[in-house]
N, C-alpha and C. Protein backbone atom coordinates (compact mmCIF):
# COMPACT_ATOMS: atom_id res chain seq x y z
N MET A 1 155.14 101.93 105.44
CA MET A 1 155.89 101.00 104.72
C MET A 1 157.11 100.30 105.37
N LEU A 2 157.06 100.72 106.93
CA LEU A 2 158.04 99.96 107.39
C LEU A 2 157.42 98.50 107.95
N ALA A 3 156.39 98.59 107.96
CA ALA A 3 155.36 97.22 108.46
C ALA A 3 155.84 96.41 107.25
N GLU A 4 155.20 96.77 105.93
CA GLU A 4 155.19 95.94 104.58
C GLU A 4 156.78 95.81 104.28
N ASP A 5 157.39 96.46 104.74
CA ASP A 5 159.27 96.15 104.26
C ASP A 5 159.70 94.91 105.09
N LEU A 6 159.28 94.62 106.47
CA LEU A 6 159.44 93.71 107.22
C LEU A 6 158.78 92.28 106.61
N ALA A 7 157.36 92.64 106.39
CA ALA A 7 156.69 91.76 105.94
C ALA A 7 157.63 91.06 104.78
N ASP A 8 157.74 91.99 103.85
CA ASP A 8 158.81 91.48 102.53
C ASP A 8 159.71 90.70 102.80
N ARG A 9 160.78 90.94 103.82
CA ARG A 9 161.85 90.96 104.41
C ARG A 9 161.52 89.24 105.21
N MET A 10 160.69 88.85 105.68
CA MET A 10 159.96 87.67 106.24
C MET A 10 159.56 86.62 105.12
N ARG A 11 158.78 87.35 104.14
CA ARG A 11 158.69 86.49 102.96
C ARG A 11 160.03 85.90 102.38
N GLY A 12 160.97 86.97 102.38
CA GLY A 12 162.13 86.61 101.45
C GLY A 12 162.84 85.35 102.63
N ASP A 13 162.80 85.30 103.78
CA ASP A 13 163.39 84.38 104.17
C ASP A 13 162.17 83.48 105.22
N ARG A 14 161.08 82.93 104.40
CA ARG A 14 159.89 82.12 104.90
C ARG A 14 160.20 81.20 106.06
N ALA A 15 161.09 80.41 105.69
CA ALA A 15 161.70 79.28 106.95
C ALA A 15 161.93 80.14 107.93
N GLY A 16 162.54 81.47 108.02
CA GLY A 16 163.17 81.95 109.54
C GLY A 16 161.31 82.48 109.94
N ALA A 17 160.85 83.22 109.18
CA ALA A 17 159.36 83.59 109.47
C ALA A 17 158.89 82.36 110.25
N ILE A 18 158.73 81.84 109.92
CA ILE A 18 157.91 80.35 110.17
C ILE A 18 158.90 79.66 111.39
N ALA A 19 159.82 80.02 111.20
CA ALA A 19 160.44 79.06 113.07
C ALA A 19 160.40 80.52 114.17
N ASN A 20 159.87 81.61 113.73
CA ASN A 20 159.62 82.98 114.63
C ASN A 20 161.05 83.67 115.10
N ASP A 21 161.74 83.88 113.77
CA ASP A 21 163.49 84.62 114.50
C ASP A 21 162.97 85.86 114.33
N TYR A 22 162.11 85.95 113.74
CA TYR A 22 161.56 87.71 113.40
C TYR A 22 161.03 88.56 114.56
N LEU A 23 160.15 87.37 115.55
CA LEU A 23 159.59 87.20 117.07
C LEU A 23 160.14 88.45 118.07
N GLY A 24 159.18 89.43 118.43
CA GLY A 24 159.77 90.09 119.47
C GLY A 24 159.53 92.08 119.48
N THR A 25 159.57 92.32 120.40
CA THR A 25 159.77 94.11 119.80
C THR A 25 160.98 94.17 119.32
N TYR A 26 160.89 95.44 118.93
CA TYR A 26 161.99 95.87 118.17
C TYR A 26 161.74 97.60 118.71
N SER A 27 162.72 98.64 118.76
CA SER A 27 163.12 99.93 119.12
C SER A 27 164.33 100.40 118.21
N ALA A 28 164.34 101.60 118.28
CA ALA A 28 165.40 102.54 117.43
C ALA A 28 166.35 102.01 117.73
N ASN A 29 166.78 100.87 116.06
CA ASN A 29 168.41 100.38 116.31
C ASN A 29 168.72 99.21 117.14
N ALA A 30 167.24 98.82 117.71
CA ALA A 30 167.90 97.46 118.52
C ALA A 30 166.79 96.49 118.11
N ALA A 31 166.98 95.43 117.73
CA ALA A 31 166.25 94.16 117.08
C ALA A 31 166.40 92.84 118.12
N PRO A 32 165.16 92.57 118.33
CA PRO A 32 165.27 91.54 119.74
C PRO A 32 166.15 90.65 119.10
N ALA A 33 166.75 90.11 120.47
CA ALA A 33 167.77 88.66 120.70
C ALA A 33 167.24 88.12 120.34
N THR A 34 167.96 86.60 119.43
CA THR A 34 167.26 85.81 118.63
C THR A 34 168.03 84.77 118.58
N GLY A 35 168.01 83.35 118.41
CA GLY A 35 169.08 82.73 117.89
C GLY A 35 169.09 82.62 116.80
N ALA A 36 168.70 83.62 115.69
CA ALA A 36 168.53 83.35 114.02
C ALA A 36 169.47 83.69 113.47
N PRO A 37 169.55 82.88 112.49
CA PRO A 37 170.99 82.91 111.69
C PRO A 37 171.73 84.11 111.34
N PRO A 38 173.01 84.36 111.12
CA PRO A 38 173.42 86.02 110.88
C PRO A 38 172.70 86.84 109.94
N ALA A 39 172.20 86.08 108.65
CA ALA A 39 171.88 86.44 107.85
C ALA A 39 169.99 87.16 107.97
N THR A 40 169.75 86.69 108.78
CA THR A 40 168.73 87.11 109.14
C THR A 40 168.75 88.15 110.49
N GLN A 41 169.65 87.94 111.35
CA GLN A 41 169.73 89.18 112.83
C GLN A 41 170.41 90.45 111.86
N ASN A 42 170.93 90.39 110.49
CA ASN A 42 171.53 91.93 109.79
C ASN A 42 170.04 92.10 109.48
N ALA A 43 169.26 91.01 108.50
CA ALA A 43 167.76 91.97 108.29
C ALA A 43 167.04 92.64 109.29
N MET A 44 167.16 92.03 110.54
CA MET A 44 166.38 92.41 111.79
C MET A 44 167.15 93.98 112.25
N SER A 45 168.41 94.20 112.03
CA SER A 45 168.69 94.89 112.78
C SER A 45 169.35 96.64 111.76
N ASP A 46 169.11 96.02 110.45
CA ASP A 46 168.93 97.18 109.10
C ASP A 46 166.95 97.76 109.37
N TRP A 47 166.50 96.66 109.30
CA TRP A 47 165.08 96.97 109.90
C TRP A 47 164.84 97.51 110.81
N ALA A 48 165.35 97.46 112.10
CA ALA A 48 165.36 98.37 113.41
C ALA A 48 166.33 99.55 113.35
N ALA A 49 167.34 100.59 112.62
CA ALA A 49 167.80 100.91 112.09
C ALA A 49 166.80 101.97 110.81
N ARG A 50 165.86 101.89 110.25
CA ARG A 50 164.94 102.17 109.43
C ARG A 50 163.91 102.52 110.51
N LEU A 51 163.36 102.13 111.52
CA LEU A 51 163.00 102.40 112.54
C LEU A 51 162.93 103.41 112.94
N ALA A 52 164.38 103.68 113.71
CA ALA A 52 164.57 104.55 114.34
C ALA A 52 164.18 106.32 113.61
N GLU A 53 164.19 106.47 112.33
CA GLU A 53 163.57 107.58 112.01
C GLU A 53 162.70 107.79 112.14
N LEU A 54 161.63 107.23 112.95
CA LEU A 54 159.96 107.62 113.62
C LEU A 54 160.41 107.71 114.80
N PRO A 55 160.22 109.09 115.35
CA PRO A 55 160.86 109.55 116.63
C PRO A 55 159.42 108.74 117.26
N GLY A 56 160.91 107.72 118.57
CA GLY A 56 159.71 107.34 119.86
C GLY A 56 159.05 105.56 118.86
N ALA A 57 160.04 105.47 118.14
CA ALA A 57 159.12 104.51 117.54
C ALA A 57 159.71 103.32 118.19
N THR A 58 158.64 102.47 118.04
CA THR A 58 158.78 100.38 118.64
C THR A 58 157.62 99.92 117.45
N ALA A 59 158.53 98.88 117.10
CA ALA A 59 157.53 97.51 116.74
C ALA A 59 157.38 96.01 117.23
N THR A 60 156.46 95.76 117.20
CA THR A 60 156.32 94.47 117.52
C THR A 60 155.68 93.13 116.53
N VAL A 61 156.13 92.44 116.73
CA VAL A 61 156.02 90.88 115.37
C VAL A 61 155.27 90.01 116.41
N SER A 62 154.20 89.76 116.18
CA SER A 62 153.73 88.81 116.72
C SER A 62 154.32 86.96 116.21
N ALA A 63 153.69 86.31 116.47
CA ALA A 63 153.95 85.01 116.33
C ALA A 63 153.19 84.61 114.98
N VAL A 64 154.17 83.71 114.25
CA VAL A 64 153.35 83.38 112.62
C VAL A 64 152.45 82.22 113.05
N THR A 65 151.54 82.20 112.51
CA THR A 65 150.62 81.42 112.94
C THR A 65 150.25 80.44 111.63
N LEU A 66 149.79 79.53 111.67
CA LEU A 66 149.19 78.67 110.57
C LEU A 66 147.84 78.28 109.97
N VAL A 67 147.51 78.99 109.34
CA VAL A 67 146.05 79.37 109.06
C VAL A 67 146.16 78.01 107.82
N GLY A 68 145.01 77.56 107.84
CA GLY A 68 144.95 76.21 106.54
C GLY A 68 145.78 75.59 106.54
N ALA A 69 146.48 74.52 105.49
CA ALA A 69 147.09 73.80 105.16
C ALA A 69 148.89 74.37 104.92
N THR A 70 149.06 75.59 104.31
CA THR A 70 150.18 76.16 103.63
C THR A 70 150.06 77.58 104.33
N ALA A 71 149.45 78.41 104.55
CA ALA A 71 149.35 79.97 104.52
C ALA A 71 149.60 80.17 106.06
N TYR A 72 150.75 81.19 106.24
CA TYR A 72 151.33 81.51 107.45
C TYR A 72 150.56 83.09 107.44
N THR A 73 150.11 83.65 108.74
CA THR A 73 150.01 84.93 108.87
C THR A 73 151.01 85.47 110.03
N VAL A 74 151.25 86.96 110.22
CA VAL A 74 151.75 87.73 111.01
C VAL A 74 151.41 88.86 111.57
N THR A 75 151.36 89.58 112.34
CA THR A 75 150.83 90.67 112.46
C THR A 75 152.17 91.63 113.02
N ILE A 76 152.47 92.54 112.10
CA ILE A 76 152.90 93.61 112.56
C ILE A 76 153.14 95.31 113.06
N GLU A 77 153.25 95.21 114.29
CA GLU A 77 152.58 96.43 114.99
C GLU A 77 153.50 97.67 114.91
N VAL A 78 153.24 98.96 114.72
CA VAL A 78 154.57 100.27 114.27
C VAL A 78 154.15 100.55 115.06
N ASP A 79 154.53 101.67 116.59
CA ASP A 79 154.22 102.78 117.15
C ASP A 79 154.98 103.54 117.26
N TRP A 80 154.62 104.99 117.27
CA TRP A 80 155.40 106.20 117.16
C TRP A 80 154.84 107.20 117.93
N VAL A 81 155.51 108.44 118.47
CA VAL A 81 155.48 109.67 118.72
C VAL A 81 154.93 110.54 117.33
N ASP A 82 153.78 111.07 117.27
CA ASP A 82 153.25 111.89 115.79
C ASP A 82 153.59 113.21 116.65
N THR A 83 154.66 114.02 116.34
CA THR A 83 155.19 114.84 116.54
C THR A 83 154.46 116.00 115.59
N ARG A 84 154.35 115.62 114.62
CA ARG A 84 153.76 116.49 113.68
C ARG A 84 152.18 117.21 114.11
N ALA A 85 151.26 115.94 114.53
CA ALA A 85 150.37 116.26 114.90
C ALA A 85 149.83 116.82 116.50
N ASN A 86 150.79 116.69 117.23
CA ASN A 86 151.25 117.62 118.41
C ASN A 86 151.78 119.07 117.97
N ALA A 87 152.51 118.98 117.05
CA ALA A 87 152.55 120.62 116.85
C ALA A 87 151.34 121.26 115.82
N ALA A 88 150.59 120.65 115.26
CA ALA A 88 149.38 121.27 114.81
C ALA A 88 148.38 121.48 115.67
N VAL A 89 148.14 121.06 117.20
CA VAL A 89 147.46 121.58 118.07
C VAL A 89 148.32 122.08 119.20
N GLY A 90 148.98 122.65 118.85
CA GLY A 90 150.10 123.30 119.56
C GLY A 90 150.42 122.46 121.16
N SER A 91 150.54 121.33 121.22
CA SER A 91 151.34 120.67 122.27
C SER A 91 152.69 121.22 122.67
N ASN A 92 152.85 121.01 123.76
CA ASN A 92 154.19 121.58 124.52
C ASN A 92 155.24 120.17 124.01
N PRO A 93 156.22 120.11 123.32
CA PRO A 93 156.82 119.29 123.12
C PRO A 93 157.78 118.90 124.07
N THR A 94 157.53 119.14 125.38
CA THR A 94 158.30 118.53 126.13
C THR A 94 157.18 117.76 127.35
N SER A 95 155.92 117.72 126.79
CA SER A 95 155.14 117.00 127.70
C SER A 95 154.92 115.45 127.24
N ALA A 96 154.70 114.40 127.91
CA ALA A 96 154.49 113.39 128.00
C ALA A 96 152.79 112.87 127.63
N SER A 97 152.34 114.04 126.96
CA SER A 97 150.92 113.67 126.57
C SER A 97 150.90 113.65 124.96
N PHE A 98 152.07 113.36 124.23
CA PHE A 98 152.04 113.66 122.81
C PHE A 98 151.44 112.47 122.31
N ALA A 99 150.84 112.73 120.89
CA ALA A 99 149.71 112.04 120.21
C ALA A 99 150.85 110.67 119.67
N ALA A 100 150.04 109.41 119.48
CA ALA A 100 150.46 108.29 119.26
C ALA A 100 149.86 107.80 117.81
N GLY A 101 150.78 107.61 117.21
CA GLY A 101 151.03 107.13 115.55
C GLY A 101 151.18 105.93 115.94
N LYS A 102 149.86 104.78 115.15
CA LYS A 102 150.05 103.31 114.92
C LYS A 102 149.83 102.89 113.69
N PHE A 103 150.36 102.06 113.30
CA PHE A 103 150.04 100.64 112.32
C PHE A 103 150.13 99.74 112.32
N VAL A 104 149.14 98.76 111.83
CA VAL A 104 149.18 97.38 112.67
C VAL A 104 148.69 96.98 111.13
N LEU A 105 149.44 95.61 110.77
CA LEU A 105 149.60 95.08 109.72
C LEU A 105 149.25 93.79 109.54
N PRO A 106 148.56 92.77 109.32
CA PRO A 106 147.96 91.50 109.39
C PRO A 106 148.50 91.14 107.93
N THR A 107 149.11 90.10 107.66
CA THR A 107 149.51 89.74 106.64
C THR A 107 149.68 88.50 106.30
N GLU A 108 149.66 87.73 104.86
CA GLU A 108 150.28 86.29 104.89
C GLU A 108 151.93 86.67 104.53
N ILE A 109 152.36 85.73 105.47
CA ILE A 109 153.76 85.22 104.07
C ILE A 109 154.14 83.82 103.75
């Protein structure tokens, strides 16, 4: 749902999305530094705070690409540490070998 939420925010600010204002790597409570307008930066910071709800989460927004005459696509990737999967198989929670969760959303904006 996080990737879809950011895609919706980008659709709502299509000019900013096309200008790659959302481009970069996000981590818990940290949006990428951009020269985006304050409203866009606030949306990015709010979304990064939501990302912090996943353990060890990071997200990457790729460059927006023109496809055809007016369609633009973007790929949003969200990665996190899947602590529930590790608990299910008895992994040591202090181990660096946590199972990784990944969701990749290629979408049109």
